[in-house]
Amino acid sequence: MRNLERTALVALAMCLPAGVFGACGHSVGVDFCGPDLLRLIYINASGLVYVRPTGPLVPLPSGFVCTPVSGVYFVLNPNAANFQQIYSALLSARVEGATVTLVADPAQPTCTIMYVTL
């Protein structure tokens, strides 16, 4: 019985997302961070959505091309064709405590979210 309890405890600990943090970097023509928990999501008066991953962005990860807003935020543009889907995914990840990978377009001067993966 003791082994069963230990196995269950280890399995439960592995399922908890609190210690799951991904790396940020540049690969295959995109900048990315994740998988990571979302620390903060806020919307300003112009409708831009700012998303802050839990992992640090200062100093900038090796190979990063885009610049995070205020050194810590990715931006989701409300004019993006896939805005509703990305915003829904981000809110779901934040509420559920799930990890997400933010993928930004390095052609943009600021880290603008192109898509996310959960």
PDB file of N, CA and C in Angstrom:
ATOM      1  N   MET A   1       0.825  -1.193   0.000  1.00  0.00           N
ATOM      2  CA  MET A   1       0.000   0.000   0.000  1.00  0.00           C
ATOM      3  C   MET A   1       0.871   1.260   0.000  1.00  0.00           C
ATOM      4  N   ARG A   2       1.990   1.213   0.688  1.00  0.00           N
ATOM      5  CA  ARG A   2       2.882   2.362   0.768  1.00  0.00           C
ATOM      6  C   ARG A   2       3.397   2.765  -0.620  1.00  0.00           C
ATOM      7  N   ASN A   3       3.738   1.770  -1.448  1.00  0.00           N
ATOM      8  CA  ASN A   3       4.211   2.056  -2.803  1.00  0.00           C
ATOM      9  C   ASN A   3       3.119   2.694  -3.648  1.00  0.00           C
ATOM     10  N   LEU A   4       1.884   2.244  -3.474  1.00  0.00           N
ATOM     11  CA  LEU A   4       0.765   2.805  -4.222  1.00  0.00           C
ATOM     12  C   LEU A   4       0.558   4.274  -3.855  1.00  0.00           C
ATOM     13  N   GLU A   5       0.654   4.593  -2.564  1.00  0.00           N
ATOM     14  CA  GLU A   5       0.512   5.978  -2.124  1.00  0.00           C
ATOM     15  C   GLU A   5       1.634   6.850  -2.681  1.00  0.00           C
ATOM     16  N   ARG A   6       2.847   6.339  -2.652  1.00  0.00           N
ATOM     17  CA  ARG A   6       3.991   7.086  -3.171  1.00  0.00           C
ATOM     18  C   ARG A   6       3.842   7.333  -4.670  1.00  0.00           C
ATOM     19  N   THR A   7       3.416   6.312  -5.399  1.00  0.00           N
ATOM     20  CA  THR A   7       3.217   6.439  -6.841  1.00  0.00           C
ATOM     21  C   THR A   7       2.136   7.462  -7.148  1.00  0.00           C
ATOM     22  N   ALA A   8       1.037   7.441  -6.384  1.00  0.00           N
ATOM     23  CA  ALA A   8      -0.051   8.399  -6.596  1.00  0.00           C
ATOM     24  C   ALA A   8       0.421   9.825  -6.312  1.00  0.00           C
ATOM     25  N   LEU A   9       1.224   9.999  -5.262  1.00  0.00           N
ATOM     26  CA  LEU A   9       1.734  11.324  -4.915  1.00  0.00           C
ATOM     27  C   LEU A   9       2.670  11.854  -6.003  1.00  0.00           C
ATOM     28  N   VAL A  10       3.542  11.010  -6.520  1.00  0.00           N
ATOM     29  CA  VAL A  10       4.446  11.425  -7.593  1.00  0.00           C
ATOM     30  C   VAL A  10       3.656  11.782  -8.851  1.00  0.00           C
ATOM     31  N   ALA A  11       2.649  10.988  -9.192  1.00  0.00           N
ATOM     32  CA  ALA A  11       1.822  11.265 -10.371  1.00  0.00           C
ATOM     33  C   ALA A  11       1.086  12.590 -10.213  1.00  0.00           C
ATOM     34  N   LEU A  12       0.553  12.856  -9.030  1.00  0.00           N
ATOM     35  CA  LEU A  12      -0.141  14.117  -8.781  1.00  0.00           C
ATOM     36  C   LEU A  12       0.811  15.302  -8.901  1.00  0.00           C
ATOM     37  N   ALA A  13       1.998  15.182  -8.347  1.00  0.00           N
ATOM     38  CA  ALA A  13       2.977  16.268  -8.414  1.00  0.00           C
ATOM     39  C   ALA A  13       3.380  16.566  -9.857  1.00  0.00           C
ATOM     40  N   MET A  14       3.441  15.531 -10.680  1.00  0.00           N
ATOM     41  CA  MET A  14       3.815  15.730 -12.075  1.00  0.00           C
ATOM     42  C   MET A  14       2.714  16.435 -12.860  1.00  0.00           C
ATOM     43  N   CYS A  15       1.472  16.350 -12.407  1.00  0.00           N
ATOM     44  CA  CYS A  15       0.347  16.970 -13.108  1.00  0.00           C
ATOM     45  C   CYS A  15       0.160  18.437 -12.752  1.00  0.00           C
ATOM     46  N   LEU A  16       0.723  18.890 -11.657  1.00  0.00           N
ATOM     47  CA  LEU A  16       0.551  20.272 -11.232  1.00  0.00           C
ATOM     48  C   LEU A  16       1.364  21.204 -12.121  1.00  0.00           C
ATOM     49  N   PRO A  17       0.754  22.245 -12.684  1.00  0.00           N
ATOM     50  CA  PRO A  17       1.469  23.129 -13.590  1.00  0.00           C
ATOM     51  C   PRO A  17       2.318  24.187 -12.913  1.00  0.00           C
ATOM     52  N   ALA A  18       2.279  24.320 -11.600  1.00  0.00           N
ATOM     53  CA  ALA A  18       2.955  25.427 -10.931  1.00  0.00           C
ATOM     54  C   ALA A  18       4.451  25.483 -11.201  1.00  0.00           C
ATOM     55  N   GLY A  19       5.074  24.359 -11.433  1.00  0.00           N
ATOM     56  CA  GLY A  19       6.505  24.368 -11.661  1.00  0.00           C
ATOM     57  C   GLY A  19       6.877  24.220 -13.119  1.00  0.00           C
ATOM     58  N   VAL A  20       5.934  24.378 -14.010  1.00  0.00           N
ATOM     59  CA  VAL A  20       6.191  24.163 -15.422  1.00  0.00           C
ATOM     60  C   VAL A  20       6.488  25.496 -16.096  1.00  0.00           C
ATOM     61  N   PHE A  21       7.736  25.684 -16.456  1.00  0.00           N
ATOM     62  CA  PHE A  21       8.112  26.916 -17.129  1.00  0.00           C
ATOM     63  C   PHE A  21       8.939  26.578 -18.347  1.00  0.00           C
ATOM     64  N   GLY A  22       8.622  27.206 -19.443  1.00  0.00           N
ATOM     65  CA  GLY A  22       9.331  26.943 -20.680  1.00  0.00           C
ATOM     66  C   GLY A  22      10.385  27.996 -20.933  1.00  0.00           C
ATOM     67  N   ALA A  23      11.024  27.826 -22.014  1.00  0.00           N
ATOM     68  CA  ALA A  23      12.069  28.755 -22.410  1.00  0.00           C
ATOM     69  C   ALA A  23      11.560  29.671 -23.510  1.00  0.00           C
ATOM     70  N   CYS A  24      12.231  30.776 -23.669  1.00  0.00           N
ATOM     71  CA  CYS A  24      11.951  31.681 -24.777  1.00  0.00           C
ATOM     72  C   CYS A  24      13.117  31.604 -25.738  1.00  0.00           C
ATOM     73  N   GLY A  25      12.822  31.780 -27.006  1.00  0.00           N
ATOM     74  CA  GLY A  25      13.891  31.730 -27.984  1.00  0.00           C
ATOM     75  C   GLY A  25      13.410  32.066 -29.378  1.00  0.00           C
ATOM     76  N   HIS A  26      14.258  31.777 -30.341  1.00  0.00           N
ATOM     77  CA  HIS A  26      13.971  32.040 -31.749  1.00  0.00           C
ATOM     78  C   HIS A  26      14.234  30.753 -32.508  1.00  0.00           C
ATOM     79  N   SER A  27      13.244  30.310 -33.276  1.00  0.00           N
ATOM     80  CA  SER A  27      13.397  29.070 -34.028  1.00  0.00           C
ATOM     81  C   SER A  27      12.491  29.099 -35.248  1.00  0.00           C
ATOM     82  N   VAL A  28      12.971  28.604 -36.356  1.00  0.00           N
ATOM     83  CA  VAL A  28      12.215  28.474 -37.595  1.00  0.00           C
ATOM     84  C   VAL A  28      11.491  29.779 -37.947  1.00  0.00           C
ATOM     85  N   GLY A  29      12.175  30.901 -37.821  1.00  0.00           N
ATOM     86  CA  GLY A  29      11.634  32.181 -38.247  1.00  0.00           C
ATOM     87  C   GLY A  29      10.623  32.833 -37.328  1.00  0.00           C
ATOM     88  N   VAL A  30      10.467  32.336 -36.095  1.00  0.00           N
ATOM     89  CA  VAL A  30       9.538  32.962 -35.150  1.00  0.00           C
ATOM     90  C   VAL A  30      10.200  33.092 -33.774  1.00  0.00           C
ATOM     91  N   ASP A  31       9.724  34.060 -33.001  1.00  0.00           N
ATOM     92  CA  ASP A  31      10.100  34.184 -31.597  1.00  0.00           C
ATOM     93  C   ASP A  31       9.013  33.501 -30.786  1.00  0.00           C
ATOM     94  N   PHE A  32       9.389  32.834 -29.693  1.00  0.00           N
ATOM     95  CA  PHE A  32       8.399  32.110 -28.900  1.00  0.00           C
ATOM     96  C   PHE A  32       8.773  32.122 -27.428  1.00  0.00           C
ATOM     97  N   CYS A  33       7.774  31.925 -26.596  1.00  0.00           N
ATOM     98  CA  CYS A  33       7.955  31.695 -25.164  1.00  0.00           C
ATOM     99  C   CYS A  33       6.988  30.600 -24.758  1.00  0.00           C
ATOM    100  N   GLY A  34       7.497  29.573 -24.139  1.00  0.00           N
ATOM    101  CA  GLY A  34       6.622  28.536 -23.629  1.00  0.00           C
ATOM    102  C   GLY A  34       7.152  27.145 -23.817  1.00  0.00           C
ATOM    103  N   PRO A  35       6.406  26.177 -23.329  1.00  0.00           N
ATOM    104  CA  PRO A  35       5.132  26.368 -22.638  1.00  0.00           C
ATOM    105  C   PRO A  35       5.354  27.029 -21.282  1.00  0.00           C
ATOM    106  N   ASP A  36       4.475  27.936 -20.951  1.00  0.00           N
ATOM    107  CA  ASP A  36       4.598  28.727 -19.733  1.00  0.00           C
ATOM    108  C   ASP A  36       3.215  29.119 -19.225  1.00  0.00           C
ATOM    109  N   LEU A  37       3.139  29.412 -17.954  1.00  0.00           N
ATOM    110  CA  LEU A  37       1.900  29.932 -17.377  1.00  0.00           C
ATOM    111  C   LEU A  37       1.799  31.413 -17.717  1.00  0.00           C
ATOM    112  N   LEU A  38       0.597  31.935 -17.751  1.00  0.00           N
ATOM    113  CA  LEU A  38       0.387  33.360 -18.000  1.00  0.00           C
ATOM    114  C   LEU A  38       0.316  34.083 -16.665  1.00  0.00           C
ATOM    115  N   ARG A  39       1.123  35.102 -16.530  1.00  0.00           N
ATOM    116  CA  ARG A  39       1.149  35.866 -15.285  1.00  0.00           C
ATOM    117  C   ARG A  39       0.073  36.940 -15.262  1.00  0.00           C
ATOM    118  N   LEU A  40      -0.156  37.568 -16.443  1.00  0.00           N
ATOM    119  CA  LEU A  40      -1.090  38.682 -16.492  1.00  0.00           C
ATOM    120  C   LEU A  40      -1.602  38.874 -17.917  1.00  0.00           C
ATOM    121  N   ILE A  41      -2.880  39.230 -18.027  1.00  0.00           N
ATOM    122  CA  ILE A  41      -3.477  39.644 -19.295  1.00  0.00           C
ATOM    123  C   ILE A  41      -4.218  40.946 -19.004  1.00  0.00           C
ATOM    124  N   TYR A  42      -3.909  41.992 -19.762  1.00  0.00           N
ATOM    125  CA  TYR A  42      -4.705  43.213 -19.593  1.00  0.00           C
ATOM    126  C   TYR A  42      -4.959  43.865 -20.941  1.00  0.00           C
ATOM    127  N   ILE A  43      -6.048  44.624 -20.984  1.00  0.00           N
ATOM    128  CA  ILE A  43      -6.475  45.290 -22.213  1.00  0.00           C
ATOM    129  C   ILE A  43      -6.449  46.790 -21.965  1.00  0.00           C
ATOM    130  N   ASN A  44      -5.816  47.534 -22.888  1.00  0.00           N
ATOM    131  CA  ASN A  44      -5.808  48.988 -22.717  1.00  0.00           C
ATOM    132  C   ASN A  44      -6.990  49.613 -23.460  1.00  0.00           C
ATOM    133  N   ALA A  45      -7.120  50.922 -23.380  1.00  0.00           N
ATOM    134  CA  ALA A  45      -8.271  51.630 -23.962  1.00  0.00           C
ATOM    135  C   ALA A  45      -8.360  51.487 -25.481  1.00  0.00           C
ATOM    136  N   SER A  46      -7.230  51.270 -26.151  1.00  0.00           N
ATOM    137  CA  SER A  46      -7.251  51.123 -27.610  1.00  0.00           C
ATOM    138  C   SER A  46      -7.636  49.714 -28.056  1.00  0.00           C
ATOM    139  N   GLY A  47      -7.770  48.797 -27.111  1.00  0.00           N
ATOM    140  CA  GLY A  47      -8.151  47.430 -27.449  1.00  0.00           C
ATOM    141  C   GLY A  47      -6.991  46.466 -27.564  1.00  0.00           C
ATOM    142  N   LEU A  48      -5.749  46.954 -27.457  1.00  0.00           N
ATOM    143  CA  LEU A  48      -4.601  46.053 -27.486  1.00  0.00           C
ATOM    144  C   LEU A  48      -4.607  45.178 -26.239  1.00  0.00           C
ATOM    145  N   VAL A  49      -4.295  43.913 -26.412  1.00  0.00           N
ATOM    146  CA  VAL A  49      -4.233  42.978 -25.293  1.00  0.00           C
ATOM    147  C   VAL A  49      -2.762  42.699 -25.000  1.00  0.00           C
ATOM    148  N   TYR A  50      -2.353  42.938 -23.765  1.00  0.00           N
ATOM    149  CA  TYR A  50      -0.979  42.702 -23.338  1.00  0.00           C
ATOM    150  C   TYR A  50      -0.951  41.410 -22.530  1.00  0.00           C
ATOM    151  N   VAL A  51      -0.020  40.529 -22.882  1.00  0.00           N
ATOM    152  CA  VAL A  51       0.067  39.214 -22.258  1.00  0.00           C
ATOM    153  C   VAL A  51       1.469  39.049 -21.682  1.00  0.00           C
ATOM    154  N   ARG A  52       1.518  38.754 -20.388  1.00  0.00           N
ATOM    155  CA  ARG A  52       2.812  38.579 -19.719  1.00  0.00           C
ATOM    156  C   ARG A  52       2.980  37.130 -19.294  1.00  0.00           C
ATOM    157  N   PRO A  53       3.963  36.432 -19.883  1.00  0.00           N
ATOM    158  CA  PRO A  53       4.237  35.073 -19.421  1.00  0.00           C
ATOM    159  C   PRO A  53       4.936  35.110 -18.069  1.00  0.00           C
ATOM    160  N   THR A  54       4.931  33.995 -17.371  1.00  0.00           N
ATOM    161  CA  THR A  54       5.566  33.927 -16.061  1.00  0.00           C
ATOM    162  C   THR A  54       7.082  33.985 -16.169  1.00  0.00           C
ATOM    163  N   GLY A  55       7.620  33.328 -17.189  1.00  0.00           N
ATOM    164  CA  GLY A  55       9.074  33.298 -17.368  1.00  0.00           C
ATOM    165  C   GLY A  55       9.644  34.665 -17.670  1.00  0.00           C
ATOM    166  N   PRO A  56      10.910  34.879 -17.325  1.00  0.00           N
ATOM    167  CA  PRO A  56      11.532  36.193 -17.545  1.00  0.00           C
ATOM    168  C   PRO A  56      11.858  36.459 -19.005  1.00  0.00           C
ATOM    169  N   LEU A  57      11.700  37.716 -19.417  1.00  0.00           N
ATOM    170  CA  LEU A  57      12.087  38.158 -20.750  1.00  0.00           C
ATOM    171  C   LEU A  57      13.237  39.156 -20.690  1.00  0.00           C
ATOM    172  N   VAL A  58      13.722  39.421 -19.484  1.00  0.00           N
ATOM    173  CA  VAL A  58      14.843  40.328 -19.302  1.00  0.00           C
ATOM    174  C   VAL A  58      15.949  39.552 -18.602  1.00  0.00           C
ATOM    175  N   PRO A  59      17.137  39.442 -19.172  1.00  0.00           N
ATOM    176  CA  PRO A  59      17.517  39.942 -20.487  1.00  0.00           C
ATOM    177  C   PRO A  59      16.819  39.150 -21.590  1.00  0.00           C
ATOM    178  N   LEU A  60      16.784  39.731 -22.789  1.00  0.00           N
ATOM    179  CA  LEU A  60      16.138  39.063 -23.918  1.00  0.00           C
ATOM    180  C   LEU A  60      16.780  37.707 -24.167  1.00  0.00           C
ATOM    181  N   PRO A  61      15.955  36.705 -24.456  1.00  0.00           N
ATOM    182  CA  PRO A  61      16.489  35.383 -24.760  1.00  0.00           C
ATOM    183  C   PRO A  61      17.374  35.415 -26.005  1.00  0.00           C
ATOM    184  N   SER A  62      18.305  34.517 -26.062  1.00  0.00           N
ATOM    185  CA  SER A  62      19.231  34.430 -27.189  1.00  0.00           C
ATOM    186  C   SER A  62      18.480  34.263 -28.509  1.00  0.00           C
ATOM    187  N   GLY A  63      18.792  35.100 -29.480  1.00  0.00           N
ATOM    188  CA  GLY A  63      18.200  35.004 -30.801  1.00  0.00           C
ATOM    189  C   GLY A  63      16.872  35.711 -30.968  1.00  0.00           C
ATOM    190  N   PHE A  64      16.307  36.236 -29.885  1.00  0.00           N
ATOM    191  CA  PHE A  64      15.023  36.937 -29.968  1.00  0.00           C
ATOM    192  C   PHE A  64      15.155  38.126 -30.901  1.00  0.00           C
ATOM    193  N   VAL A  65      14.195  38.316 -31.816  1.00  0.00           N
ATOM    194  CA  VAL A  65      14.227  39.417 -32.769  1.00  0.00           C
ATOM    195  C   VAL A  65      13.279  40.531 -32.327  1.00  0.00           C
ATOM    196  N   CYS A  66      12.065  40.182 -31.906  1.00  0.00           N
ATOM    197  CA  CYS A  66      11.100  41.205 -31.494  1.00  0.00           C
ATOM    198  C   CYS A  66      11.454  41.730 -30.101  1.00  0.00           C
ATOM    199  N   THR A  67      10.865  42.870 -29.759  1.00  0.00           N
ATOM    200  CA  THR A  67      11.104  43.493 -28.457  1.00  0.00           C
ATOM    201  C   THR A  67       9.821  43.451 -27.642  1.00  0.00           C
ATOM    202  N   PRO A  68       9.837  42.833 -26.457  1.00  0.00           N
ATOM    203  CA  PRO A  68       8.643  42.834 -25.611  1.00  0.00           C
ATOM    204  C   PRO A  68       8.311  44.253 -25.140  1.00  0.00           C
ATOM    205  N   VAL A  69       7.035  44.577 -25.066  1.00  0.00           N
ATOM    206  CA  VAL A  69       6.593  45.881 -24.587  1.00  0.00           C
ATOM    207  C   VAL A  69       6.951  45.996 -23.105  1.00  0.00           C
ATOM    208  N   SER A  70       7.571  47.096 -22.740  1.00  0.00           N
ATOM    209  CA  SER A  70       8.061  47.323 -21.371  1.00  0.00           C
ATOM    210  C   SER A  70       8.956  46.188 -20.892  1.00  0.00           C
ATOM    211  N   GLY A  71       9.524  45.461 -21.823  1.00  0.00           N
ATOM    212  CA  GLY A  71      10.452  44.386 -21.485  1.00  0.00           C
ATOM    213  C   GLY A  71       9.810  43.095 -21.027  1.00  0.00           C
ATOM    214  N   VAL A  72       8.454  43.040 -20.939  1.00  0.00           N
ATOM    215  CA  VAL A  72       7.823  41.839 -20.388  1.00  0.00           C
ATOM    216  C   VAL A  72       6.550  41.368 -21.090  1.00  0.00           C
ATOM    217  N   TYR A  73       5.972  42.171 -21.989  1.00  0.00           N
ATOM    218  CA  TYR A  73       4.666  41.843 -22.561  1.00  0.00           C
ATOM    219  C   TYR A  73       4.717  41.497 -24.048  1.00  0.00           C
ATOM    220  N   PHE A  74       3.935  40.485 -24.423  1.00  0.00           N
ATOM    221  CA  PHE A  74       3.588  40.226 -25.809  1.00  0.00           C
ATOM    222  C   PHE A  74       2.299  40.993 -26.070  1.00  0.00           C
ATOM    223  N   VAL A  75       2.044  41.352 -27.335  1.00  0.00           N
ATOM    224  CA  VAL A  75       0.848  42.108 -27.688  1.00  0.00           C
ATOM    225  C   VAL A  75      -0.017  41.269 -28.616  1.00  0.00           C
ATOM    226  N   LEU A  76      -1.328  41.291 -28.349  1.00  0.00           N
ATOM    227  CA  LEU A  76      -2.301  40.688 -29.259  1.00  0.00           C
ATOM    228  C   LEU A  76      -3.088  41.833 -29.866  1.00  0.00           C
ATOM    229  N   ASN A  77      -2.963  41.983 -31.177  1.00  0.00           N
ATOM    230  CA  ASN A  77      -3.619  43.081 -31.884  1.00  0.00           C
ATOM    231  C   ASN A  77      -5.093  42.737 -32.121  1.00  0.00           C
ATOM    232  N   PRO A  78      -6.027  43.623 -31.724  1.00  0.00           N
ATOM    233  CA  PRO A  78      -7.450  43.341 -31.927  1.00  0.00           C
ATOM    234  C   PRO A  78      -7.849  43.292 -33.401  1.00  0.00           C
ATOM    235  N   ASN A  79      -6.995  43.772 -34.297  1.00  0.00           N
ATOM    236  CA  ASN A  79      -7.287  43.732 -35.728  1.00  0.00           C
ATOM    237  C   ASN A  79      -6.798  42.448 -36.399  1.00  0.00           C
ATOM    238  N   ALA A  80      -6.156  41.577 -35.646  1.00  0.00           N
ATOM    239  CA  ALA A  80      -5.670  40.315 -36.213  1.00  0.00           C
ATOM    240  C   ALA A  80      -6.864  39.450 -36.615  1.00  0.00           C
ATOM    241  N   ALA A  81      -6.742  38.757 -37.736  1.00  0.00           N
ATOM    242  CA  ALA A  81      -7.835  37.917 -38.249  1.00  0.00           C
ATOM    243  C   ALA A  81      -8.232  36.829 -37.251  1.00  0.00           C
ATOM    244  N   ASN A  82      -7.268  36.329 -36.471  1.00  0.00           N
ATOM    245  CA  ASN A  82      -7.546  35.255 -35.524  1.00  0.00           C
ATOM    246  C   ASN A  82      -7.628  35.752 -34.079  1.00  0.00           C
ATOM    247  N   PHE A  83      -7.928  37.034 -33.901  1.00  0.00           N
ATOM    248  CA  PHE A  83      -7.962  37.639 -32.564  1.00  0.00           C
ATOM    249  C   PHE A  83      -8.893  36.889 -31.604  1.00  0.00           C
ATOM    250  N   GLN A  84     -10.127  36.651 -32.004  1.00  0.00           N
ATOM    251  CA  GLN A  84     -11.105  36.021 -31.106  1.00  0.00           C
ATOM    252  C   GLN A  84     -10.634  34.648 -30.639  1.00  0.00           C
ATOM    253  N   GLN A  85     -10.094  33.859 -31.557  1.00  0.00           N
ATOM    254  CA  GLN A  85      -9.643  32.517 -31.203  1.00  0.00           C
ATOM    255  C   GLN A  85      -8.454  32.568 -30.239  1.00  0.00           C
ATOM    256  N   ILE A  86      -7.496  33.445 -30.528  1.00  0.00           N
ATOM    257  CA  ILE A  86      -6.323  33.548 -29.644  1.00  0.00           C
ATOM    258  C   ILE A  86      -6.732  34.076 -28.278  1.00  0.00           C
ATOM    259  N   TYR A  87      -7.553  35.116 -28.262  1.00  0.00           N
ATOM    260  CA  TYR A  87      -7.979  35.699 -26.991  1.00  0.00           C
ATOM    261  C   TYR A  87      -8.734  34.666 -26.148  1.00  0.00           C
ATOM    262  N   SER A  88      -9.600  33.895 -26.775  1.00  0.00           N
ATOM    263  CA  SER A  88     -10.334  32.841 -26.068  1.00  0.00           C
ATOM    264  C   SER A  88      -9.379  31.800 -25.493  1.00  0.00           C
ATOM    265  N   ALA A  89      -8.393  31.409 -26.287  1.00  0.00           N
ATOM    266  CA  ALA A  89      -7.411  30.424 -25.820  1.00  0.00           C
ATOM    267  C   ALA A  89      -6.603  30.963 -24.646  1.00  0.00           C
ATOM    268  N   LEU A  90      -6.208  32.247 -24.725  1.00  0.00           N
ATOM    269  CA  LEU A  90      -5.440  32.850 -23.630  1.00  0.00           C
ATOM    270  C   LEU A  90      -6.259  32.929 -22.348  1.00  0.00           C
ATOM    271  N   LEU A  91      -7.517  33.342 -22.472  1.00  0.00           N
ATOM    272  CA  LEU A  91      -8.379  33.410 -21.282  1.00  0.00           C
ATOM    273  C   LEU A  91      -8.593  32.026 -20.675  1.00  0.00           C
ATOM    274  N   SER A  92      -8.811  31.046 -21.520  1.00  0.00           N
ATOM    275  CA  SER A  92      -8.990  29.681 -21.030  1.00  0.00           C
ATOM    276  C   SER A  92      -7.745  29.194 -20.293  1.00  0.00           C
ATOM    277  N   ALA A  93      -6.581  29.450 -20.875  1.00  0.00           N
ATOM    278  CA  ALA A  93      -5.328  29.024 -20.245  1.00  0.00           C
ATOM    279  C   ALA A  93      -5.132  29.724 -18.906  1.00  0.00           C
ATOM    280  N   ARG A  94      -5.451  30.999 -18.841  1.00  0.00           N
ATOM    281  CA  ARG A  94      -5.287  31.758 -17.595  1.00  0.00           C
ATOM    282  C   ARG A  94      -6.220  31.247 -16.511  1.00  0.00           C
ATOM    283  N   VAL A  95      -7.477  31.021 -16.856  1.00  0.00           N
ATOM    284  CA  VAL A  95      -8.468  30.551 -15.880  1.00  0.00           C
ATOM    285  C   VAL A  95      -8.142  29.139 -15.396  1.00  0.00           C
ATOM    286  N   GLU A  96      -7.749  28.274 -16.320  1.00  0.00           N
ATOM    287  CA  GLU A  96      -7.475  26.876 -15.984  1.00  0.00           C
ATOM    288  C   GLU A  96      -6.091  26.667 -15.380  1.00  0.00           C
ATOM    289  N   GLY A  97      -5.221  27.659 -15.478  1.00  0.00           N
ATOM    290  CA  GLY A  97      -3.851  27.477 -14.994  1.00  0.00           C
ATOM    291  C   GLY A  97      -3.048  26.586 -15.920  1.00  0.00           C
ATOM    292  N   ALA A  98      -3.424  26.566 -17.196  1.00  0.00           N
ATOM    293  CA  ALA A  98      -2.742  25.730 -18.180  1.00  0.00           C
ATOM    294  C   ALA A  98      -1.566  26.484 -18.791  1.00  0.00           C
ATOM    295  N   THR A  99      -0.612  25.735 -19.274  1.00  0.00           N
ATOM    296  CA  THR A  99       0.517  26.357 -19.940  1.00  0.00           C
ATOM    297  C   THR A  99       0.162  26.684 -21.380  1.00  0.00           C
ATOM    298  N   VAL A 100       0.828  27.683 -21.912  1.00  0.00           N
ATOM    299  CA  VAL A 100       0.600  28.136 -23.283  1.00  0.00           C
ATOM    300  C   VAL A 100       1.944  28.539 -23.887  1.00  0.00           C
ATOM    301  N   THR A 101       2.068  28.373 -25.177  1.00  0.00           N
ATOM    302  CA  THR A 101       3.244  28.869 -25.884  1.00  0.00           C
ATOM    303  C   THR A 101       2.803  30.046 -26.752  1.00  0.00           C
ATOM    304  N   LEU A 102       3.447  31.186 -26.545  1.00  0.00           N
ATOM    305  CA  LEU A 102       3.170  32.389 -27.320  1.00  0.00           C
ATOM    306  C   LEU A 102       4.159  32.448 -28.475  1.00  0.00           C
ATOM    307  N   VAL A 103       3.652  32.604 -29.683  1.00  0.00           N
ATOM    308  CA  VAL A 103       4.511  32.674 -30.860  1.00  0.00           C
ATOM    309  C   VAL A 103       4.330  34.047 -31.501  1.00  0.00           C
ATOM    310  N   ALA A 104       5.450  34.761 -31.644  1.00  0.00           N
ATOM    311  CA  ALA A 104       5.418  36.136 -32.146  1.00  0.00           C
ATOM    312  C   ALA A 104       6.088  36.232 -33.507  1.00  0.00           C
ATOM    313  N   ASP A 105       5.638  37.213 -34.268  1.00  0.00           N
ATOM    314  CA  ASP A 105       6.169  37.487 -35.592  1.00  0.00           C
ATOM    315  C   ASP A 105       7.416  38.357 -35.449  1.00  0.00           C
ATOM    316  N   PRO A 106       8.599  37.831 -35.766  1.00  0.00           N
ATOM    317  CA  PRO A 106       9.817  38.637 -35.608  1.00  0.00           C
ATOM    318  C   PRO A 106       9.920  39.774 -36.627  1.00  0.00           C
ATOM    319  N   ALA A 107       9.025  39.812 -37.617  1.00  0.00           N
ATOM    320  CA  ALA A 107       9.015  40.921 -38.569  1.00  0.00           C
ATOM    321  C   ALA A 107       8.421  42.178 -37.944  1.00  0.00           C
ATOM    322  N   GLN A 108       7.721  42.023 -36.818  1.00  0.00           N
ATOM    323  CA  GLN A 108       7.143  43.166 -36.110  1.00  0.00           C
ATOM    324  C   GLN A 108       8.165  43.701 -35.109  1.00  0.00           C
ATOM    325  N   PRO A 109       8.213  45.018 -34.906  1.00  0.00           N
ATOM    326  CA  PRO A 109       9.184  45.563 -33.948  1.00  0.00           C
ATOM    327  C   PRO A 109       8.878  45.163 -32.502  1.00  0.00           C
ATOM    328  N   THR A 110       7.597  45.053 -32.161  1.00  0.00           N
ATOM    329  CA  THR A 110       7.239  44.582 -30.823  1.00  0.00           C
ATOM    330  C   THR A 110       6.771  43.129 -30.942  1.00  0.00           C
ATOM    331  N   CYS A 111       6.827  42.398 -29.854  1.00  0.00           N
ATOM    332  CA  CYS A 111       6.450  40.992 -29.865  1.00  0.00           C
ATOM    333  C   CYS A 111       4.923  40.875 -30.026  1.00  0.00           C
ATOM    334  N   THR A 112       4.484  40.727 -31.267  1.00  0.00           N
ATOM    335  CA  THR A 112       3.070  40.642 -31.613  1.00  0.00           C
ATOM    336  C   THR A 112       2.696  39.178 -31.815  1.00  0.00           C
ATOM    337  N   ILE A 113       1.709  38.708 -31.075  1.00  0.00           N
ATOM    338  CA  ILE A 113       1.320  37.304 -31.108  1.00  0.00           C
ATOM    339  C   ILE A 113       0.713  36.948 -32.465  1.00  0.00           C
ATOM    340  N   MET A 114       1.284  35.918 -33.091  1.00  0.00           N
ATOM    341  CA  MET A 114       0.736  35.384 -34.345  1.00  0.00           C
ATOM    342  C   MET A 114      -0.219  34.229 -34.049  1.00  0.00           C
ATOM    343  N   TYR A 115       0.191  33.359 -33.119  1.00  0.00           N
ATOM    344  CA  TYR A 115      -0.655  32.247 -32.717  1.00  0.00           C
ATOM    345  C   TYR A 115      -0.167  31.720 -31.373  1.00  0.00           C
ATOM    346  N   VAL A 116      -0.986  30.891 -30.747  1.00  0.00           N
ATOM    347  CA  VAL A 116      -0.636  30.263 -29.472  1.00  0.00           C
ATOM    348  C   VAL A 116      -0.889  28.760 -29.579  1.00  0.00           C
ATOM    349  N   THR A 117      -0.196  28.010 -28.735  1.00  0.00           N
ATOM    350  CA  THR A 117      -0.469  26.591 -28.606  1.00  0.00           C
ATOM    351  C   THR A 117      -0.705  26.291 -27.137  1.00  0.00           C
ATOM    352  N   LEU A 118      -1.632  25.399 -26.891  1.00  0.00           N
ATOM    353  CA  LEU A 118      -1.951  25.004 -25.505  1.00  0.00           C
ATOM    354  C   LEU A 118      -1.502  23.584 -25.260  1.00  0.00           C
TER     355      LEU A 118
END
